[in-house]
Amino acid sequence: MDAYINKADRAQVLVQALPYIQQYWNRVVVIKYGGHAMENEELKAKVMEDIVLLQLVGVRVVLVHGGGPDISEVMTKMGVESKFVNGLRVTDRETAEIAQMVLAGKVGKSLVNLIEATGGRAMGICGIDGRMVEARAKSAELGYVGEITHVNTQPISDLIEKGYIPVISSVGCDGQGNVYNINADTMAAQISGAMGAECLISMTDVPGIMLDPADPASLVHVADINEATELFRRGVISGGMIPKVESCIEALLCGVHKVFILDGRVPHSILLEMLTDEGSGTMMVGEKK
């Protein structure tokens, strides 16, 4: 009897997922993955399982990744100091080259390898490939930190049509060939807008937007742009969360229907948010209905 109930519970989970699968079928979903959420290999494998499952049920998945801790680790080994301003890495020409090497090389290819090992098909590219992401300097203070000026979605669409999951490293270039380190949250927002994505999922190492960072119970489950702007004004959103939430707002203004901020340290948080009634993080929308 217990075994029957367990099977019934599993069947109910699958039935519950049906309307969500129908909602996302053949729609573009951009997933941003990076930072400390990528440090645990076991959890990283589970995230890749989620991504492969979504593709298999008909979701057109695009994975955009960062890798700040990996960049910092390599810079430390090379004796190069890391400096940050409002959560963004100050980047000189040498640091931009390191970012390109780490993101488009080590990090990107490791994610491709994990997806392939899980039974999916993936192709690693960066913003330089096919002039997919063109950029200019965001500010003199930040150096070669890029502000995106154009997104060419054709290379991404071509890979999706061929059955691959695009795994995109967050570096770009300008017309003169200068390489820019681009914040992965910003890049994911711009790509999701250009692709007309159904949603953007931003995976990080916190549960979502919290009114009190020390209290998980203060998690904000749903926020619209006006509410997020008020949280900025009150100083609730600060530090590394600033570019994350700014990119969420940017994606919504670009026409993305909704954005989720999820804790990448929670196993299968993507599936919990997208395919169940529970949810697991903060959902941001343009305006509450």
Protein backbone atom coordinates (compact mmCIF):
# COMPACT_ATOMS: atom_id res chain seq x y z
CA MET A 1 0.00 0.00 0.00
CA ASP A 2 2.80 2.43 0.90
CA ALA A 3 4.51 1.67 -2.40
CA TYR A 4 1.24 2.40 -4.25
CA ILE A 5 0.85 5.75 -2.45
CA ASN A 6 4.44 6.66 -3.31
CA LYS A 7 3.80 5.88 -6.99
CA ALA A 8 0.59 7.91 -6.88
CA ASP A 9 2.49 10.87 -5.41
CA ARG A 10 5.03 10.64 -8.21
CA ALA A 11 2.28 10.51 -10.80
CA GLN A 12 0.68 13.61 -9.24
CA VAL A 13 3.96 15.49 -9.56
CA LEU A 14 4.08 14.64 -13.26
CA VAL A 15 0.45 15.68 -13.79
CA GLN A 16 1.10 18.94 -11.95
CA ALA A 17 3.98 19.66 -14.34
CA LEU A 18 1.79 19.28 -17.47
CA PRO A 19 0.33 22.82 -17.69
CA TYR A 20 3.76 24.30 -17.05
CA ILE A 21 5.32 22.18 -19.78
CA GLN A 22 2.57 23.36 -22.13
CA GLN A 23 3.29 26.96 -21.15
CA TYR A 24 7.00 26.72 -21.89
CA TRP A 25 6.89 24.32 -24.85
CA ASN A 26 8.81 25.72 -27.84
CA ARG A 27 9.50 28.94 -25.89
CA VAL A 28 12.95 30.35 -25.23
CA VAL A 29 14.09 30.21 -21.60
CA VAL A 30 17.41 31.86 -20.77
CA ILE A 31 19.22 30.55 -17.70
CA LYS A 32 22.01 32.58 -16.14
CA TYR A 33 24.37 30.44 -14.08
CA GLY A 34 27.49 31.57 -12.31
CA GLY A 35 29.33 32.79 -9.27
CA HIS A 36 29.40 30.75 -6.08
CA ALA A 37 26.38 28.75 -7.25
CA MET A 38 28.76 26.83 -9.54
CA GLU A 39 31.32 25.82 -6.93
CA ASN A 40 29.72 22.52 -5.85
CA GLU A 41 30.27 19.85 -8.51
CA GLU A 42 27.37 17.66 -7.35
CA LEU A 43 24.90 20.56 -7.48
CA LYS A 44 26.32 21.69 -10.82
CA ALA A 45 25.53 18.25 -12.25
CA LYS A 46 21.93 18.51 -10.99
CA VAL A 47 21.52 21.91 -12.65
CA MET A 48 22.69 20.41 -15.93
CA GLU A 49 20.16 17.56 -15.45
CA ASP A 50 17.40 20.16 -15.08
CA ILE A 51 18.54 21.93 -18.26
CA VAL A 52 18.66 18.71 -20.29
CA LEU A 53 15.21 17.68 -19.02
CA LEU A 54 13.75 21.05 -20.03
CA GLN A 55 15.17 20.68 -23.52
CA LEU A 56 13.78 17.15 -23.83
CA VAL A 57 10.23 18.37 -23.03
CA GLY A 58 10.45 21.03 -25.73
CA VAL A 59 11.88 24.11 -24.02
CA ARG A 60 14.39 26.09 -26.10
CA VAL A 61 17.04 26.52 -23.42
CA VAL A 62 19.90 29.03 -23.61
CA LEU A 63 22.55 28.91 -20.87
CA VAL A 64 24.55 32.07 -20.14
CA HIS A 65 27.29 31.68 -17.55
CA GLY A 66 29.75 33.74 -15.58
CA GLY A 67 32.54 32.46 -13.40
CA GLY A 68 33.76 35.24 -11.16
CA PRO A 69 35.32 32.96 -8.50
CA ASP A 70 37.23 31.06 -11.21
CA ILE A 71 38.56 34.34 -12.61
CA SER A 72 39.58 35.47 -9.13
CA GLU A 73 41.34 32.16 -8.48
CA VAL A 74 43.38 32.37 -11.68
CA MET A 75 44.20 36.05 -11.06
CA THR A 76 45.44 35.21 -7.57
CA LYS A 77 47.67 32.45 -8.94
CA MET A 78 49.04 34.94 -11.48
CA GLY A 79 49.61 37.59 -8.80
CA VAL A 80 46.99 39.96 -10.20
CA GLU A 81 44.80 41.82 -7.68
CA SER A 82 40.99 41.81 -8.04
CA LYS A 83 39.13 45.09 -7.49
CA PHE A 84 35.35 45.63 -7.53
CA VAL A 85 33.07 48.67 -7.84
CA ASN A 86 29.33 48.12 -7.11
CA GLY A 87 29.70 44.39 -7.64
CA LEU A 88 31.52 44.73 -10.99
CA ARG A 89 35.15 43.70 -11.51
CA VAL A 90 37.52 46.50 -12.53
CA THR A 91 39.07 45.11 -15.72
CA ASP A 92 42.27 46.21 -17.45
CA ARG A 93 43.45 44.62 -20.70
CA GLU A 94 45.29 41.81 -18.89
CA THR A 95 42.24 41.01 -16.75
CA ALA A 96 40.03 40.95 -19.87
CA GLU A 97 42.34 38.37 -21.43
CA ILE A 98 42.22 36.28 -18.24
CA ALA A 99 38.41 36.51 -18.21
CA GLN A 100 38.24 35.34 -21.83
CA MET A 101 40.60 32.44 -21.13
CA VAL A 102 38.74 31.29 -17.99
CA LEU A 103 35.13 31.83 -19.13
CA ALA A 104 35.29 30.77 -22.78
CA GLY A 105 37.80 28.04 -21.95
CA LYS A 106 37.75 26.28 -18.60
CA VAL A 107 34.27 27.19 -17.32
CA GLY A 108 32.33 27.06 -20.58
CA LYS A 109 33.79 23.77 -21.74
CA SER A 110 33.26 22.14 -18.34
CA LEU A 111 29.54 22.99 -18.53
CA VAL A 112 29.32 21.66 -22.08
CA ASN A 113 31.00 18.45 -20.91
CA LEU A 114 28.53 18.07 -18.04
CA ILE A 115 25.52 18.55 -20.32
CA GLU A 116 26.87 16.01 -22.79
CA ALA A 117 27.57 13.55 -19.96
CA THR A 118 23.93 13.94 -18.85
CA GLY A 119 22.68 12.96 -22.30
CA GLY A 120 22.16 16.42 -23.76
CA ARG A 121 23.80 18.15 -26.70
CA ALA A 122 25.58 21.45 -26.09
CA MET A 123 27.89 23.86 -27.88
CA GLY A 124 30.06 26.40 -26.11
CA ILE A 125 30.37 29.87 -27.61
CA CYS A 126 31.09 33.39 -26.37
CA GLY A 127 30.03 36.86 -27.43
CA ILE A 128 33.05 37.16 -29.73
CA ASP A 129 31.89 34.24 -31.91
CA GLY A 130 30.01 35.52 -34.94
CA ARG A 131 30.16 39.00 -33.38
CA MET A 132 27.23 37.74 -31.29
CA VAL A 133 27.62 40.36 -28.55
CA GLU A 134 29.16 43.73 -29.39
CA ALA A 135 30.08 46.06 -26.56
CA ARG A 136 31.81 49.27 -25.56
CA ALA A 137 33.44 50.37 -22.32
CA LYS A 138 30.86 50.86 -19.58
CA SER A 139 32.99 53.50 -17.84
CA ALA A 140 36.58 54.66 -17.63
CA GLU A 141 36.67 53.59 -13.97
CA LEU A 142 35.81 49.96 -14.80
CA GLY A 143 38.11 49.70 -17.83
CA TYR A 144 37.30 46.77 -20.13
CA VAL A 145 33.95 46.02 -18.55
CA GLY A 146 31.51 45.96 -21.43
CA GLU A 147 28.22 47.72 -21.99
CA ILE A 148 26.33 45.79 -24.66
CA THR A 149 25.52 47.74 -27.84
CA HIS A 150 24.17 44.93 -30.04
CA VAL A 151 23.12 41.28 -29.81
CA ASN A 152 23.17 39.12 -32.94
CA THR A 153 20.84 36.23 -32.11
CA GLN A 154 21.49 34.26 -35.32
CA PRO A 155 24.30 32.05 -33.92
CA ILE A 156 22.12 31.21 -30.90
CA SER A 157 19.06 30.39 -33.01
CA ASP A 158 21.15 28.28 -35.39
CA LEU A 159 22.44 26.13 -32.53
CA ILE A 160 18.94 25.68 -31.07
CA GLU A 161 17.55 24.65 -34.46
CA LYS A 162 20.32 22.05 -34.77
CA GLY A 163 19.33 20.58 -31.40
CA TYR A 164 22.12 22.06 -29.29
CA ILE A 165 21.90 23.91 -25.98
CA PRO A 166 23.95 27.11 -26.49
CA VAL A 167 26.36 27.61 -23.57
CA ILE A 168 27.38 31.26 -23.76
CA SER A 169 30.39 32.77 -21.98
CA SER A 170 30.00 36.38 -20.88
CA VAL A 171 32.68 38.11 -22.93
CA GLY A 172 32.14 40.35 -25.94
CA CYS A 173 34.07 42.61 -28.29
CA ASP A 174 33.88 45.85 -30.25
CA GLY A 175 34.56 46.68 -33.90
CA GLN A 176 38.26 47.17 -33.20
CA GLY A 177 38.64 43.71 -31.66
CA ASN A 178 38.91 44.85 -28.04
CA VAL A 179 37.67 42.15 -25.66
CA TYR A 180 35.29 43.10 -22.84
CA ASN A 181 34.41 41.29 -19.65
CA ILE A 182 30.61 41.54 -19.43
CA ASN A 183 28.61 40.94 -16.30
CA ALA A 184 26.81 37.62 -16.87
CA ASP A 185 23.53 38.93 -15.42
CA THR A 186 23.58 41.85 -17.86
CA MET A 187 24.45 39.60 -20.78
CA ALA A 188 21.66 37.15 -19.92
CA ALA A 189 19.17 40.02 -19.72
CA GLN A 190 20.14 41.42 -23.11
CA ILE A 191 20.13 38.00 -24.78
CA SER A 192 16.76 37.09 -23.26
CA GLY A 193 15.29 40.35 -24.52
CA ALA A 194 16.75 39.94 -28.00
CA MET A 195 15.53 36.32 -28.18
CA GLY A 196 12.01 37.23 -27.03
CA ALA A 197 12.38 34.82 -24.13
CA GLU A 198 9.40 33.61 -22.12
CA CYS A 199 11.46 33.98 -18.97
CA LEU A 200 14.93 34.56 -17.59
CA ILE A 201 16.20 32.48 -14.69
CA SER A 202 19.03 34.04 -12.68
CA MET A 203 20.77 31.46 -10.51
CA THR A 204 22.85 32.77 -7.65
CA ASP A 205 24.02 31.83 -4.15
CA VAL A 206 21.17 33.43 -2.17
CA PRO A 207 17.47 32.42 -1.94
CA GLY A 208 16.37 35.55 -3.82
CA ILE A 209 15.61 39.12 -2.79
CA MET A 210 15.41 39.25 1.01
CA LEU A 211 14.30 42.19 3.13
CA ASP A 212 16.82 41.00 5.74
CA PRO A 213 19.83 39.14 4.26
CA ALA A 214 20.28 37.27 7.55
CA ASP A 215 16.68 36.01 7.61
CA PRO A 216 15.57 33.54 4.89
CA ALA A 217 11.98 34.00 6.08
CA SER A 218 12.12 37.59 4.74
CA LEU A 219 12.29 36.31 1.15
CA VAL A 220 10.29 38.43 -1.31
CA HIS A 221 8.35 35.88 -3.38
CA VAL A 222 7.00 38.28 -6.01
CA ALA A 223 8.05 41.83 -6.87
CA ASP A 224 7.28 44.14 -9.76
CA ILE A 225 9.57 46.84 -11.13
CA ASN A 226 8.14 49.59 -8.91
CA GLU A 227 8.60 47.50 -5.75
CA ALA A 228 12.16 46.60 -6.73
CA THR A 229 12.94 50.28 -7.33
CA GLU A 230 11.68 51.06 -3.83
CA LEU A 231 13.93 48.32 -2.37
CA PHE A 232 16.89 49.95 -4.14
CA ARG A 233 15.95 53.31 -2.61
CA ARG A 234 15.78 51.78 0.87
CA GLY A 235 19.17 50.12 0.47
CA VAL A 236 17.69 46.61 0.79
CA ILE A 237 19.27 45.64 -2.53
CA SER A 238 23.01 46.22 -2.26
CA GLY A 239 26.44 44.86 -3.17
CA GLY A 240 26.47 41.97 -5.62
CA MET A 241 22.66 41.93 -5.77
CA ILE A 242 22.65 45.36 -7.46
CA PRO A 243 23.68 44.18 -10.95
CA LYS A 244 21.53 41.05 -10.58
CA VAL A 245 18.30 42.93 -9.87
CA GLU A 246 19.16 45.70 -12.34
CA SER A 247 19.55 43.05 -15.04
CA CYS A 248 16.18 41.53 -14.06
CA ILE A 249 14.52 44.92 -14.50
CA GLU A 250 16.37 45.38 -17.80
CA ALA A 251 15.08 42.03 -19.08
CA LEU A 252 11.49 42.92 -18.13
CA LEU A 253 11.78 46.29 -19.88
CA CYS A 254 13.07 44.44 -22.96
CA GLY A 255 9.84 42.43 -23.07
CA VAL A 256 10.71 39.27 -21.13
CA HIS A 257 7.50 38.13 -19.39
CA LYS A 258 9.00 37.20 -16.02
CA VAL A 259 12.33 36.73 -14.29
CA PHE A 260 13.20 34.31 -11.51
CA ILE A 261 16.04 34.75 -9.02
CA LEU A 262 16.82 31.29 -7.68
CA ASP A 263 19.27 29.76 -5.22
CA GLY A 264 21.57 27.57 -7.29
CA ARG A 265 22.60 25.71 -4.14
CA VAL A 266 19.14 24.13 -3.87
CA PRO A 267 18.98 20.84 -5.83
CA HIS A 268 16.65 21.05 -8.86
CA SER A 269 15.57 24.61 -8.02
CA ILE A 270 14.90 25.25 -11.73
CA LEU A 271 12.36 22.43 -11.97
CA LEU A 272 10.76 23.43 -8.66
CA GLU A 273 10.24 26.96 -9.93
CA MET A 274 9.22 26.22 -13.51
CA LEU A 275 7.25 22.96 -13.30
CA THR A 276 5.57 22.91 -9.88
CA ASP A 277 3.13 25.04 -7.86
CA GLU A 278 5.70 25.56 -5.10
CA GLY A 279 8.25 27.98 -6.50
CA SER A 280 11.62 28.41 -4.86
CA GLY A 281 12.85 32.00 -5.18
CA THR A 282 11.84 35.53 -6.15
CA MET A 283 9.74 36.10 -9.26
CA MET A 284 9.96 39.55 -10.81
CA VAL A 285 7.33 40.89 -13.21
CA GLY A 286 6.82 44.14 -15.04
CA GLU A 287 3.59 44.89 -13.22
CA LYS A 288 1.46 42.81 -10.87
CA LYS A 289 -1.95 41.89 -12.22
